[in-house]
Amino acid sequence: MPNKNKLPIASPQQQMKVIRSEDYRTVYTNAAKIGLTTWDVRLTFSTIVEAEVGKLATEEQVTVIMSPQHAKDLLRVFVINLANWEKQFGAIKIPSDFEIEPTLSEGADSGSIDKVSNKQS
């Protein structure tokens, strides 16, 4: 007996119709935080803002939660697309005075990584 609650799995050749949610939005991000658990991967996208004169802060915009399997496949697709972009437009260069290093966030859950550390600060 077929399971009525099971979602159909799309084959790679199958075209999927795209429907936008009523609360769909586009956000700009220049900072991201990654959180990992056994069950999911959380990507929190933020914008770096000046909180006080001379002091920066990140303003969180949105968190996307997905399975580790989906995150790994997203990484694969991301790598392919960035490689294609660089073939067309040239290498993406990170300014030498701004090196991005993974650092543990203060007060973060175990496994959370903040990807917005500036070497000069």
PDB file of N, CA and C in Angstrom:
ATOM      1  N   MET A   1       0.840  -1.180   0.000  1.00  0.00           N
ATOM      2  CA  MET A   1       0.000   0.000   0.000  1.00  0.00           C
ATOM      3  C   MET A   1       0.890   1.250   0.000  1.00  0.00           C
ATOM      4  N   PRO A   2       0.678   2.179  -0.943  1.00  0.00           N
ATOM      5  CA  PRO A   2       1.523   3.376  -1.033  1.00  0.00           C
ATOM      6  C   PRO A   2       1.324   4.291   0.169  1.00  0.00           C
ATOM      7  N   ASN A   3       2.402   4.937   0.581  1.00  0.00           N
ATOM      8  CA  ASN A   3       2.359   5.886   1.688  1.00  0.00           C
ATOM      9  C   ASN A   3       1.927   7.247   1.141  1.00  0.00           C
ATOM     10  N   LYS A   4       0.754   7.725   1.579  1.00  0.00           N
ATOM     11  CA  LYS A   4       0.207   8.989   1.058  1.00  0.00           C
ATOM     12  C   LYS A   4       0.960  10.209   1.577  1.00  0.00           C
ATOM     13  N   ASN A   5       1.695  10.055   2.696  1.00  0.00           N
ATOM     14  CA  ASN A   5       2.425  11.182   3.282  1.00  0.00           C
ATOM     15  C   ASN A   5       3.815  11.363   2.689  1.00  0.00           C
ATOM     16  N   LYS A   6       4.267  10.417   1.910  1.00  0.00           N
ATOM     17  CA  LYS A   6       5.610  10.483   1.343  1.00  0.00           C
ATOM     18  C   LYS A   6       5.636  11.429   0.140  1.00  0.00           C
ATOM     19  N   LEU A   7       6.607  12.351   0.143  1.00  0.00           N
ATOM     20  CA  LEU A   7       6.747  13.287  -0.976  1.00  0.00           C
ATOM     21  C   LEU A   7       7.404  12.579  -2.149  1.00  0.00           C
ATOM     22  N   PRO A   8       6.997  12.896  -3.374  1.00  0.00           N
ATOM     23  CA  PRO A   8       7.658  12.291  -4.532  1.00  0.00           C
ATOM     24  C   PRO A   8       9.085  12.816  -4.654  1.00  0.00           C
ATOM     25  N   ILE A   9       9.985  11.972  -5.099  1.00  0.00           N
ATOM     26  CA  ILE A   9      11.374  12.373  -5.305  1.00  0.00           C
ATOM     27  C   ILE A   9      11.542  12.755  -6.770  1.00  0.00           C
ATOM     28  N   ALA A  10      12.045  13.968  -7.003  1.00  0.00           N
ATOM     29  CA  ALA A  10      12.222  14.451  -8.380  1.00  0.00           C
ATOM     30  C   ALA A  10      13.463  13.816  -8.987  1.00  0.00           C
ATOM     31  N   SER A  11      13.338  13.353 -10.197  1.00  0.00           N
ATOM     32  CA  SER A  11      14.503  12.819 -10.906  1.00  0.00           C
ATOM     33  C   SER A  11      15.273  13.996 -11.499  1.00  0.00           C
ATOM     34  N   PRO A  12      16.582  13.812 -11.781  1.00  0.00           N
ATOM     35  CA  PRO A  12      17.365  14.926 -12.344  1.00  0.00           C
ATOM     36  C   PRO A  12      16.797  15.465 -13.656  1.00  0.00           C
ATOM     37  N   GLN A  13      16.100  14.627 -14.424  1.00  0.00           N
ATOM     38  CA  GLN A  13      15.568  15.063 -15.716  1.00  0.00           C
ATOM     39  C   GLN A  13      14.217  15.778 -15.572  1.00  0.00           C
ATOM     40  N   GLN A  14      13.571  15.614 -14.438  1.00  0.00           N
ATOM     41  CA  GLN A  14      12.229  16.161 -14.236  1.00  0.00           C
ATOM     42  C   GLN A  14      12.287  17.675 -13.991  1.00  0.00           C
ATOM     43  N   GLN A  15      11.452  18.425 -14.695  1.00  0.00           N
ATOM     44  CA  GLN A  15      11.359  19.865 -14.493  1.00  0.00           C
ATOM     45  C   GLN A  15      10.459  20.143 -13.297  1.00  0.00           C
ATOM     46  N   MET A  16      10.903  21.050 -12.422  1.00  0.00           N
ATOM     47  CA  MET A  16      10.099  21.404 -11.274  1.00  0.00           C
ATOM     48  C   MET A  16       9.559  22.812 -11.450  1.00  0.00           C
ATOM     49  N   LYS A  17       8.295  23.003 -11.167  1.00  0.00           N
ATOM     50  CA  LYS A  17       7.689  24.330 -11.223  1.00  0.00           C
ATOM     51  C   LYS A  17       8.147  25.119  -9.997  1.00  0.00           C
ATOM     52  N   VAL A  18       8.517  26.372 -10.181  1.00  0.00           N
ATOM     53  CA  VAL A  18       8.957  27.226  -9.083  1.00  0.00           C
ATOM     54  C   VAL A  18       7.798  28.119  -8.669  1.00  0.00           C
ATOM     55  N   ILE A  19       7.458  28.069  -7.388  1.00  0.00           N
ATOM     56  CA  ILE A  19       6.391  28.902  -6.831  1.00  0.00           C
ATOM     57  C   ILE A  19       7.007  29.724  -5.703  1.00  0.00           C
ATOM     58  N   ARG A  20       6.844  31.036  -5.735  1.00  0.00           N
ATOM     59  CA  ARG A  20       7.385  31.892  -4.676  1.00  0.00           C
ATOM     60  C   ARG A  20       6.388  32.029  -3.537  1.00  0.00           C
ATOM     61  N   SER A  21       6.894  31.882  -2.343  1.00  0.00           N
ATOM     62  CA  SER A  21       6.103  32.065  -1.132  1.00  0.00           C
ATOM     63  C   SER A  21       5.704  33.539  -1.015  1.00  0.00           C
ATOM     64  N   GLU A  22       4.629  33.815  -0.303  1.00  0.00           N
ATOM     65  CA  GLU A  22       4.194  35.207  -0.110  1.00  0.00           C
ATOM     66  C   GLU A  22       5.223  36.011   0.680  1.00  0.00           C
ATOM     67  N   ASP A  23       5.981  35.344   1.560  1.00  0.00           N
ATOM     68  CA  ASP A  23       6.974  36.068   2.355  1.00  0.00           C
ATOM     69  C   ASP A  23       8.398  35.943   1.788  1.00  0.00           C
ATOM     70  N   TYR A  24       8.514  35.580   0.510  1.00  0.00           N
ATOM     71  CA  TYR A  24       9.813  35.512  -0.164  1.00  0.00           C
ATOM     72  C   TYR A  24      10.463  36.889  -0.137  1.00  0.00           C
ATOM     73  N   ARG A  25      11.771  36.917   0.088  1.00  0.00           N
ATOM     74  CA  ARG A  25      12.501  38.185   0.034  1.00  0.00           C
ATOM     75  C   ARG A  25      13.944  37.933  -0.356  1.00  0.00           C
ATOM     76  N   THR A  26      14.600  38.961  -0.822  1.00  0.00           N
ATOM     77  CA  THR A  26      16.012  38.916  -1.155  1.00  0.00           C
ATOM     78  C   THR A  26      16.747  39.730  -0.105  1.00  0.00           C
ATOM     79  N   VAL A  27      17.859  39.202   0.403  1.00  0.00           N
ATOM     80  CA  VAL A  27      18.658  39.937   1.379  1.00  0.00           C
ATOM     81  C   VAL A  27      20.095  40.003   0.888  1.00  0.00           C
ATOM     82  N   TYR A  28      20.783  41.078   1.245  1.00  0.00           N
ATOM     83  CA  TYR A  28      22.217  41.206   0.975  1.00  0.00           C
ATOM     84  C   TYR A  28      22.954  40.736   2.223  1.00  0.00           C
ATOM     85  N   THR A  29      24.029  40.011   2.041  1.00  0.00           N
ATOM     86  CA  THR A  29      24.825  39.551   3.171  1.00  0.00           C
ATOM     87  C   THR A  29      26.303  39.707   2.873  1.00  0.00           C
ATOM     88  N   ASN A  30      27.064  40.090   3.889  1.00  0.00           N
ATOM     89  CA  ASN A  30      28.516  40.114   3.754  1.00  0.00           C
ATOM     90  C   ASN A  30      29.177  39.456   4.966  1.00  0.00           C
ATOM     91  N   ALA A  31      28.381  38.678   5.698  1.00  0.00           N
ATOM     92  CA  ALA A  31      28.888  37.912   6.838  1.00  0.00           C
ATOM     93  C   ALA A  31      27.990  36.693   7.021  1.00  0.00           C
ATOM     94  N   ALA A  32      28.586  35.596   7.461  1.00  0.00           N
ATOM     95  CA  ALA A  32      27.805  34.378   7.670  1.00  0.00           C
ATOM     96  C   ALA A  32      28.332  33.621   8.874  1.00  0.00           C
ATOM     97  N   LYS A  33      27.415  32.963   9.564  1.00  0.00           N
ATOM     98  CA  LYS A  33      27.766  32.136  10.707  1.00  0.00           C
ATOM     99  C   LYS A  33      27.215  30.745  10.438  1.00  0.00           C
ATOM    100  N   ILE A  34      28.022  29.730  10.708  1.00  0.00           N
ATOM    101  CA  ILE A  34      27.616  28.352  10.462  1.00  0.00           C
ATOM    102  C   ILE A  34      27.462  27.639  11.794  1.00  0.00           C
ATOM    103  N   GLY A  35      26.328  26.979  12.005  1.00  0.00           N
ATOM    104  CA  GLY A  35      26.102  26.165  13.193  1.00  0.00           C
ATOM    105  C   GLY A  35      25.805  24.739  12.778  1.00  0.00           C
ATOM    106  N   LEU A  36      26.404  23.781  13.468  1.00  0.00           N
ATOM    107  CA  LEU A  36      26.245  22.374  13.116  1.00  0.00           C
ATOM    108  C   LEU A  36      25.721  21.578  14.306  1.00  0.00           C
ATOM    109  N   THR A  37      24.773  20.692  14.044  1.00  0.00           N
ATOM    110  CA  THR A  37      24.344  19.705  15.027  1.00  0.00           C
ATOM    111  C   THR A  37      24.348  18.355  14.325  1.00  0.00           C
ATOM    112  N   THR A  38      24.005  17.315  15.057  1.00  0.00           N
ATOM    113  CA  THR A  38      23.913  15.984  14.455  1.00  0.00           C
ATOM    114  C   THR A  38      22.863  15.961  13.359  1.00  0.00           C
ATOM    115  N   TRP A  39      21.814  16.758  13.512  1.00  0.00           N
ATOM    116  CA  TRP A  39      20.648  16.670  12.638  1.00  0.00           C
ATOM    117  C   TRP A  39      20.553  17.751  11.585  1.00  0.00           C
ATOM    118  N   ASP A  40      21.225  18.892  11.800  1.00  0.00           N
ATOM    119  CA  ASP A  40      21.054  19.967  10.823  1.00  0.00           C
ATOM    120  C   ASP A  40      22.259  20.890  10.745  1.00  0.00           C
ATOM    121  N   VAL A  41      22.236  21.704   9.701  1.00  0.00           N
ATOM    122  CA  VAL A  41      23.230  22.749   9.473  1.00  0.00           C
ATOM    123  C   VAL A  41      22.459  24.062   9.428  1.00  0.00           C
ATOM    124  N   ARG A  42      22.932  25.053  10.170  1.00  0.00           N
ATOM    125  CA  ARG A  42      22.282  26.362  10.215  1.00  0.00           C
ATOM    126  C   ARG A  42      23.234  27.405   9.644  1.00  0.00           C
ATOM    127  N   LEU A  43      22.768  28.125   8.648  1.00  0.00           N
ATOM    128  CA  LEU A  43      23.536  29.216   8.052  1.00  0.00           C
ATOM    129  C   LEU A  43      22.822  30.516   8.406  1.00  0.00           C
ATOM    130  N   THR A  44      23.463  31.347   9.210  1.00  0.00           N
ATOM    131  CA  THR A  44      22.891  32.641   9.562  1.00  0.00           C
ATOM    132  C   THR A  44      23.627  33.701   8.758  1.00  0.00           C
ATOM    133  N   PHE A  45      22.881  34.409   7.928  1.00  0.00           N
ATOM    134  CA  PHE A  45      23.453  35.444   7.072  1.00  0.00           C
ATOM    135  C   PHE A  45      23.215  36.808   7.709  1.00  0.00           C
ATOM    136  N   SER A  46      24.259  37.631   7.728  1.00  0.00           N
ATOM    137  CA  SER A  46      24.222  38.932   8.391  1.00  0.00           C
ATOM    138  C   SER A  46      24.808  40.007   7.491  1.00  0.00           C
ATOM    139  N   THR A  47      24.635  41.238   7.927  1.00  0.00           N
ATOM    140  CA  THR A  47      25.248  42.388   7.275  1.00  0.00           C
ATOM    141  C   THR A  47      26.111  43.091   8.315  1.00  0.00           C
ATOM    142  N   ILE A  48      27.341  43.417   7.950  1.00  0.00           N
ATOM    143  CA  ILE A  48      28.216  44.145   8.864  1.00  0.00           C
ATOM    144  C   ILE A  48      27.781  45.605   8.867  1.00  0.00           C
ATOM    145  N   VAL A  49      27.539  46.133  10.061  1.00  0.00           N
ATOM    146  CA  VAL A  49      27.081  47.518  10.216  1.00  0.00           C
ATOM    147  C   VAL A  49      27.965  48.213  11.253  1.00  0.00           C
ATOM    148  N   GLU A  50      27.928  49.534  11.242  1.00  0.00           N
ATOM    149  CA  GLU A  50      28.652  50.293  12.263  1.00  0.00           C
ATOM    150  C   GLU A  50      27.686  50.541  13.415  1.00  0.00           C
ATOM    151  N   ALA A  51      27.894  49.836  14.546  1.00  0.00           N
ATOM    152  CA  ALA A  51      27.005  49.951  15.701  1.00  0.00           C
ATOM    153  C   ALA A  51      27.239  51.265  16.431  1.00  0.00           C
ATOM    154  N   GLU A  52      28.489  51.608  16.599  1.00  0.00           N
ATOM    155  CA  GLU A  52      28.903  52.871  17.198  1.00  0.00           C
ATOM    156  C   GLU A  52      30.057  53.382  16.345  1.00  0.00           C
ATOM    157  N   VAL A  53      30.409  54.626  16.514  1.00  0.00           N
ATOM    158  CA  VAL A  53      31.508  55.181  15.727  1.00  0.00           C
ATOM    159  C   VAL A  53      32.758  54.326  15.946  1.00  0.00           C
ATOM    160  N   GLY A  54      33.264  53.772  14.856  1.00  0.00           N
ATOM    161  CA  GLY A  54      34.473  52.961  14.913  1.00  0.00           C
ATOM    162  C   GLY A  54      34.288  51.534  15.395  1.00  0.00           C
ATOM    163  N   LYS A  55      33.061  51.131  15.740  1.00  0.00           N
ATOM    164  CA  LYS A  55      32.815  49.769  16.225  1.00  0.00           C
ATOM    165  C   LYS A  55      31.819  49.069  15.311  1.00  0.00           C
ATOM    166  N   LEU A  56      32.233  47.927  14.793  1.00  0.00           N
ATOM    167  CA  LEU A  56      31.383  47.170  13.878  1.00  0.00           C
ATOM    168  C   LEU A  56      30.580  46.115  14.621  1.00  0.00           C
ATOM    169  N   ALA A  57      29.460  45.760  14.039  1.00  0.00           N
ATOM    170  CA  ALA A  57      28.609  44.690  14.558  1.00  0.00           C
ATOM    171  C   ALA A  57      27.995  43.979  13.360  1.00  0.00           C
ATOM    172  N   THR A  58      27.446  42.800  13.588  1.00  0.00           N
ATOM    173  CA  THR A  58      26.722  42.124  12.515  1.00  0.00           C
ATOM    174  C   THR A  58      25.237  42.158  12.843  1.00  0.00           C
ATOM    175  N   GLU A  59      24.453  42.525  11.846  1.00  0.00           N
ATOM    176  CA  GLU A  59      22.994  42.554  11.979  1.00  0.00           C
ATOM    177  C   GLU A  59      22.457  41.324  11.259  1.00  0.00           C
ATOM    178  N   GLU A  60      21.933  40.358  12.030  1.00  0.00           N
ATOM    179  CA  GLU A  60      21.458  39.115  11.435  1.00  0.00           C
ATOM    180  C   GLU A  60      20.220  39.370  10.577  1.00  0.00           C
ATOM    181  N   GLN A  61      20.233  38.809   9.370  1.00  0.00           N
ATOM    182  CA  GLN A  61      19.149  39.000   8.415  1.00  0.00           C
ATOM    183  C   GLN A  61      18.236  37.784   8.329  1.00  0.00           C
ATOM    184  N   VAL A  62      18.838  36.585   8.223  1.00  0.00           N
ATOM    185  CA  VAL A  62      18.039  35.373   8.037  1.00  0.00           C
ATOM    186  C   VAL A  62      18.886  34.156   8.399  1.00  0.00           C
ATOM    187  N   THR A  63      18.228  33.118   8.914  1.00  0.00           N
ATOM    188  CA  THR A  63      18.883  31.833   9.159  1.00  0.00           C
ATOM    189  C   THR A  63      18.222  30.793   8.275  1.00  0.00           C
ATOM    190  N   VAL A  64      19.045  30.013   7.586  1.00  0.00           N
ATOM    191  CA  VAL A  64      18.571  28.921   6.739  1.00  0.00           C
ATOM    192  C   VAL A  64      19.010  27.625   7.416  1.00  0.00           C
ATOM    193  N   ILE A  65      18.064  26.715   7.624  1.00  0.00           N
ATOM    194  CA  ILE A  65      18.351  25.439   8.277  1.00  0.00           C
ATOM    195  C   ILE A  65      18.123  24.327   7.266  1.00  0.00           C
ATOM    196  N   MET A  66      19.088  23.400   7.184  1.00  0.00           N
ATOM    197  CA  MET A  66      18.978  22.288   6.231  1.00  0.00           C
ATOM    198  C   MET A  66      19.649  21.049   6.804  1.00  0.00           C
ATOM    199  N   SER A  67      19.401  19.921   6.164  1.00  0.00           N
ATOM    200  CA  SER A  67      20.040  18.673   6.576  1.00  0.00           C
ATOM    201  C   SER A  67      21.520  18.707   6.186  1.00  0.00           C
ATOM    202  N   PRO A  68      22.366  17.929   6.869  1.00  0.00           N
ATOM    203  CA  PRO A  68      23.771  17.855   6.463  1.00  0.00           C
ATOM    204  C   PRO A  68      23.926  17.382   5.013  1.00  0.00           C
ATOM    205  N   GLN A  69      23.042  16.489   4.570  1.00  0.00           N
ATOM    206  CA  GLN A  69      23.105  15.998   3.190  1.00  0.00           C
ATOM    207  C   GLN A  69      22.845  17.127   2.198  1.00  0.00           C
ATOM    208  N   HIS A  70      21.838  17.943   2.494  1.00  0.00           N
ATOM    209  CA  HIS A  70      21.523  19.071   1.620  1.00  0.00           C
ATOM    210  C   HIS A  70      22.672  20.080   1.627  1.00  0.00           C
ATOM    211  N   ALA A  71      23.255  20.325   2.810  1.00  0.00           N
ATOM    212  CA  ALA A  71      24.378  21.262   2.909  1.00  0.00           C
ATOM    213  C   ALA A  71      25.562  20.787   2.070  1.00  0.00           C
ATOM    214  N   LYS A  72      25.843  19.487   2.115  1.00  0.00           N
ATOM    215  CA  LYS A  72      26.970  18.951   1.340  1.00  0.00           C
ATOM    216  C   LYS A  72      26.711  19.084  -0.154  1.00  0.00           C
ATOM    217  N   ASP A  73      25.479  18.828  -0.580  1.00  0.00           N
ATOM    218  CA  ASP A  73      25.157  18.973  -1.995  1.00  0.00           C
ATOM    219  C   ASP A  73      25.168  20.446  -2.407  1.00  0.00           C
ATOM    220  N   LEU A  74      24.708  21.338  -1.526  1.00  0.00           N
ATOM    221  CA  LEU A  74      24.766  22.774  -1.795  1.00  0.00           C
ATOM    222  C   LEU A  74      26.217  23.217  -1.970  1.00  0.00           C
ATOM    223  N   LEU A  75      27.113  22.725  -1.114  1.00  0.00           N
ATOM    224  CA  LEU A  75      28.538  23.040  -1.243  1.00  0.00           C
ATOM    225  C   LEU A  75      29.070  22.585  -2.598  1.00  0.00           C
ATOM    226  N   ARG A  76      28.698  21.374  -3.017  1.00  0.00           N
ATOM    227  CA  ARG A  76      29.141  20.843  -4.314  1.00  0.00           C
ATOM    228  C   ARG A  76      28.693  21.757  -5.451  1.00  0.00           C
ATOM    229  N   VAL A  77      27.433  22.159  -5.431  1.00  0.00           N
ATOM    230  CA  VAL A  77      26.890  23.024  -6.484  1.00  0.00           C
ATOM    231  C   VAL A  77      27.539  24.412  -6.422  1.00  0.00           C
ATOM    232  N   PHE A  78      27.776  24.915  -5.218  1.00  0.00           N
ATOM    233  CA  PHE A  78      28.433  26.202  -5.033  1.00  0.00           C
ATOM    234  C   PHE A  78      29.826  26.190  -5.650  1.00  0.00           C
ATOM    235  N   VAL A  79      30.611  25.141  -5.362  1.00  0.00           N
ATOM    236  CA  VAL A  79      31.974  25.027  -5.891  1.00  0.00           C
ATOM    237  C   VAL A  79      31.958  25.011  -7.417  1.00  0.00           C
ATOM    238  N   ILE A  80      31.051  24.251  -7.999  1.00  0.00           N
ATOM    239  CA  ILE A  80      30.938  24.175  -9.463  1.00  0.00           C
ATOM    240  C   ILE A  80      30.605  25.547 -10.045  1.00  0.00           C
ATOM    241  N   ASN A  81      29.619  26.234  -9.443  1.00  0.00           N
ATOM    242  CA  ASN A  81      29.199  27.535  -9.966  1.00  0.00           C
ATOM    243  C   ASN A  81      30.272  28.604  -9.801  1.00  0.00           C
ATOM    244  N   LEU A  82      30.980  28.615  -8.672  1.00  0.00           N
ATOM    245  CA  LEU A  82      32.063  29.587  -8.500  1.00  0.00           C
ATOM    246  C   LEU A  82      33.208  29.311  -9.468  1.00  0.00           C
ATOM    247  N   ALA A  83      33.524  28.044  -9.705  1.00  0.00           N
ATOM    248  CA  ALA A  83      34.575  27.700 -10.678  1.00  0.00           C
ATOM    249  C   ALA A  83      34.182  28.178 -12.072  1.00  0.00           C
ATOM    250  N   ASN A  84      32.924  27.999 -12.447  1.00  0.00           N
ATOM    251  CA  ASN A  84      32.446  28.480 -13.752  1.00  0.00           C
ATOM    252  C   ASN A  84      32.499  30.001 -13.831  1.00  0.00           C
ATOM    253  N   TRP A  85      32.136  30.684 -12.737  1.00  0.00           N
ATOM    254  CA  TRP A  85      32.184  32.148 -12.699  1.00  0.00           C
ATOM    255  C   TRP A  85      33.627  32.614 -12.911  1.00  0.00           C
ATOM    256  N   GLU A  86      34.582  31.958 -12.208  1.00  0.00           N
ATOM    257  CA  GLU A  86      35.988  32.352 -12.335  1.00  0.00           C
ATOM    258  C   GLU A  86      36.541  32.062 -13.724  1.00  0.00           C
ATOM    259  N   LYS A  87      36.065  31.016 -14.372  1.00  0.00           N
ATOM    260  CA  LYS A  87      36.483  30.744 -15.755  1.00  0.00           C
ATOM    261  C   LYS A  87      36.057  31.887 -16.672  1.00  0.00           C
ATOM    262  N   GLN A  88      34.868  32.422 -16.417  1.00  0.00           N
ATOM    263  CA  GLN A  88      34.331  33.482 -17.271  1.00  0.00           C
ATOM    264  C   GLN A  88      34.905  34.854 -16.928  1.00  0.00           C
ATOM    265  N   PHE A  89      35.056  35.167 -15.643  1.00  0.00           N
ATOM    266  CA  PHE A  89      35.413  36.526 -15.229  1.00  0.00           C
ATOM    267  C   PHE A  89      36.789  36.661 -14.582  1.00  0.00           C
ATOM    268  N   GLY A  90      37.454  35.562 -14.291  1.00  0.00           N
ATOM    269  CA  GLY A  90      38.761  35.612 -13.625  1.00  0.00           C
ATOM    270  C   GLY A  90      38.652  35.259 -12.151  1.00  0.00           C
ATOM    271  N   ALA A  91      39.806  35.032 -11.555  1.00  0.00           N
ATOM    272  CA  ALA A  91      39.866  34.594 -10.156  1.00  0.00           C
ATOM    273  C   ALA A  91      39.252  35.626  -9.216  1.00  0.00           C
ATOM    274  N   ILE A  92      38.550  35.133  -8.223  1.00  0.00           N
ATOM    275  CA  ILE A  92      37.999  35.988  -7.168  1.00  0.00           C
ATOM    276  C   ILE A  92      39.130  36.233  -6.181  1.00  0.00           C
ATOM    277  N   LYS A  93      39.440  37.492  -5.958  1.00  0.00           N
ATOM    278  CA  LYS A  93      40.545  37.834  -5.069  1.00  0.00           C
ATOM    279  C   LYS A  93      40.010  38.368  -3.739  1.00  0.00           C
ATOM    280  N   ILE A  94      40.598  37.889  -2.657  1.00  0.00           N
ATOM    281  CA  ILE A  94      40.290  38.398  -1.324  1.00  0.00           C
ATOM    282  C   ILE A  94      41.386  39.410  -0.996  1.00  0.00           C
ATOM    283  N   PRO A  95      41.042  40.652  -0.598  1.00  0.00           N
ATOM    284  CA  PRO A  95      42.076  41.636  -0.273  1.00  0.00           C
ATOM    285  C   PRO A  95      43.039  41.078   0.778  1.00  0.00           C
ATOM    286  N   SER A  96      44.341  41.333   0.598  1.00  0.00           N
ATOM    287  CA  SER A  96      45.348  40.769   1.501  1.00  0.00           C
ATOM    288  C   SER A  96      45.216  41.291   2.929  1.00  0.00           C
ATOM    289  N   ASP A  97      44.634  42.478   3.121  1.00  0.00           N
ATOM    290  CA  ASP A  97      44.474  43.010   4.476  1.00  0.00           C
ATOM    291  C   ASP A  97      43.235  42.462   5.176  1.00  0.00           C
ATOM    292  N   PHE A  98      42.473  41.624   4.501  1.00  0.00           N
ATOM    293  CA  PHE A  98      41.272  41.050   5.103  1.00  0.00           C
ATOM    294  C   PHE A  98      41.279  39.550   4.852  1.00  0.00           C
ATOM    295  N   GLU A  99      41.818  38.815   5.798  1.00  0.00           N
ATOM    296  CA  GLU A  99      41.860  37.367   5.669  1.00  0.00           C
ATOM    297  C   GLU A  99      40.743  36.775   6.508  1.00  0.00           C
ATOM    298  N   ILE A 100      39.967  35.910   5.908  1.00  0.00           N
ATOM    299  CA  ILE A 100      38.851  35.288   6.615  1.00  0.00           C
ATOM    300  C   ILE A 100      39.343  34.005   7.266  1.00  0.00           C
ATOM    301  N   GLU A 101      39.170  33.928   8.583  1.00  0.00           N
ATOM    302  CA  GLU A 101      39.547  32.733   9.322  1.00  0.00           C
ATOM    303  C   GLU A 101      38.366  32.271  10.159  1.00  0.00           C
ATOM    304  N   PRO A 102      38.121  30.960  10.206  1.00  0.00           N
ATOM    305  CA  PRO A 102      37.062  30.459  11.082  1.00  0.00           C
ATOM    306  C   PRO A 102      37.452  30.686  12.538  1.00  0.00           C
ATOM    307  N   THR A 103      36.572  31.284  13.314  1.00  0.00           N
ATOM    308  CA  THR A 103      36.806  31.479  14.740  1.00  0.00           C
ATOM    309  C   THR A 103      35.551  31.107  15.491  1.00  0.00           C
ATOM    310  N   LEU A 104      35.702  30.544  16.669  1.00  0.00           N
ATOM    311  CA  LEU A 104      34.531  30.216  17.472  1.00  0.00           C
ATOM    312  C   LEU A 104      33.874  31.499  17.935  1.00  0.00           C
ATOM    313  N   SER A 105      32.563  31.571  17.802  1.00  0.00           N
ATOM    314  CA  SER A 105      31.815  32.743  18.237  1.00  0.00           C
ATOM    315  C   SER A 105      31.710  32.749  19.753  1.00  0.00           C
ATOM    316  N   GLU A 106      31.760  33.932  20.341  1.00  0.00           N
ATOM    317  CA  GLU A 106      31.556  34.046  21.777  1.00  0.00           C
ATOM    318  C   GLU A 106      30.130  33.649  22.107  1.00  0.00           C
ATOM    319  N   GLY A 107      29.976  32.804  23.125  1.00  0.00           N
ATOM    320  CA  GLY A 107      28.650  32.398  23.567  1.00  0.00           C
ATOM    321  C   GLY A 107      27.914  31.512  22.593  1.00  0.00           C
ATOM    322  N   ALA A 108      28.595  31.014  21.580  1.00  0.00           N
ATOM    323  CA  ALA A 108      27.922  30.190  20.572  1.00  0.00           C
ATOM    324  C   ALA A 108      27.787  28.760  21.056  1.00  0.00           C
ATOM    325  N   ASP A 109      26.812  28.065  20.513  1.00  0.00           N
ATOM    326  CA  ASP A 109      26.658  26.649  20.795  1.00  0.00           C
ATOM    327  C   ASP A 109      27.877  25.917  20.266  1.00  0.00           C
ATOM    328  N   SER A 110      28.133  24.749  20.830  1.00  0.00           N
ATOM    329  CA  SER A 110      29.246  23.928  20.360  1.00  0.00           C
ATOM    330  C   SER A 110      29.092  23.665  18.874  1.00  0.00           C
ATOM    331  N   GLY A 111      30.135  23.858  18.126  1.00  0.00           N
ATOM    332  CA  GLY A 111      30.093  23.603  16.691  1.00  0.00           C
ATOM    333  C   GLY A 111      29.741  24.823  15.861  1.00  0.00           C
ATOM    334  N   SER A 112      29.409  25.929  16.476  1.00  0.00           N
ATOM    335  CA  SER A 112      29.081  27.133  15.719  1.00  0.00           C
ATOM    336  C   SER A 112      30.369  27.840  15.319  1.00  0.00           C
ATOM    337  N   ILE A 113      30.448  28.237  14.078  1.00  0.00           N
ATOM    338  CA  ILE A 113      31.653  28.889  13.574  1.00  0.00           C
ATOM    339  C   ILE A 113      31.282  30.244  12.990  1.00  0.00           C
ATOM    340  N   ASP A 114      31.991  31.270  13.386  1.00  0.00           N
ATOM    341  CA  ASP A 114      31.776  32.620  12.866  1.00  0.00           C
ATOM    342  C   ASP A 114      32.815  32.863  11.782  1.00  0.00           C
ATOM    343  N   LYS A 115      32.371  33.194  10.568  1.00  0.00           N
ATOM    344  CA  LYS A 115      33.276  33.339   9.426  1.00  0.00           C
ATOM    345  C   LYS A 115      33.564  34.801   9.091  1.00  0.00           C
ATOM    346  N   VAL A 116      33.537  35.706  10.062  1.00  0.00           N
ATOM    347  CA  VAL A 116      33.744  37.117   9.739  1.00  0.00           C
ATOM    348  C   VAL A 116      34.834  37.745  10.608  1.00  0.00           C
ATOM    349  N   SER A 117      35.981  37.101  10.725  1.00  0.00           N
ATOM    350  CA  SER A 117      37.030  37.712  11.531  1.00  0.00           C
ATOM    351  C   SER A 117      38.001  38.457  10.623  1.00  0.00           C
ATOM    352  N   ASN A 118      38.303  39.672  10.986  1.00  0.00           N
ATOM    353  CA  ASN A 118      39.245  40.500  10.238  1.00  0.00           C
ATOM    354  C   ASN A 118      40.584  40.439  10.953  1.00  0.00           C
ATOM    355  N   LYS A 119      41.638  40.053  10.238  1.00  0.00           N
ATOM    356  CA  LYS A 119      42.979  39.889  10.808  1.00  0.00           C
ATOM    357  C   LYS A 119      43.463  41.142  11.528  1.00  0.00           C
ATOM    358  N   GLN A 120      43.055  42.328  11.074  1.00  0.00           N
ATOM    359  CA  GLN A 120      43.586  43.572  11.628  1.00  0.00           C
ATOM    360  C   GLN A 120      42.969  43.940  12.966  1.00  0.00           C
ATOM    361  N   SER A 121      41.810  43.386  13.327  1.00  0.00           N
ATOM    362  CA  SER A 121      41.166  43.817  14.568  1.00  0.00           C
ATOM    363  C   SER A 121      41.671  43.076  15.770  1.00  0.00           C
TER     364      SER A 121
END
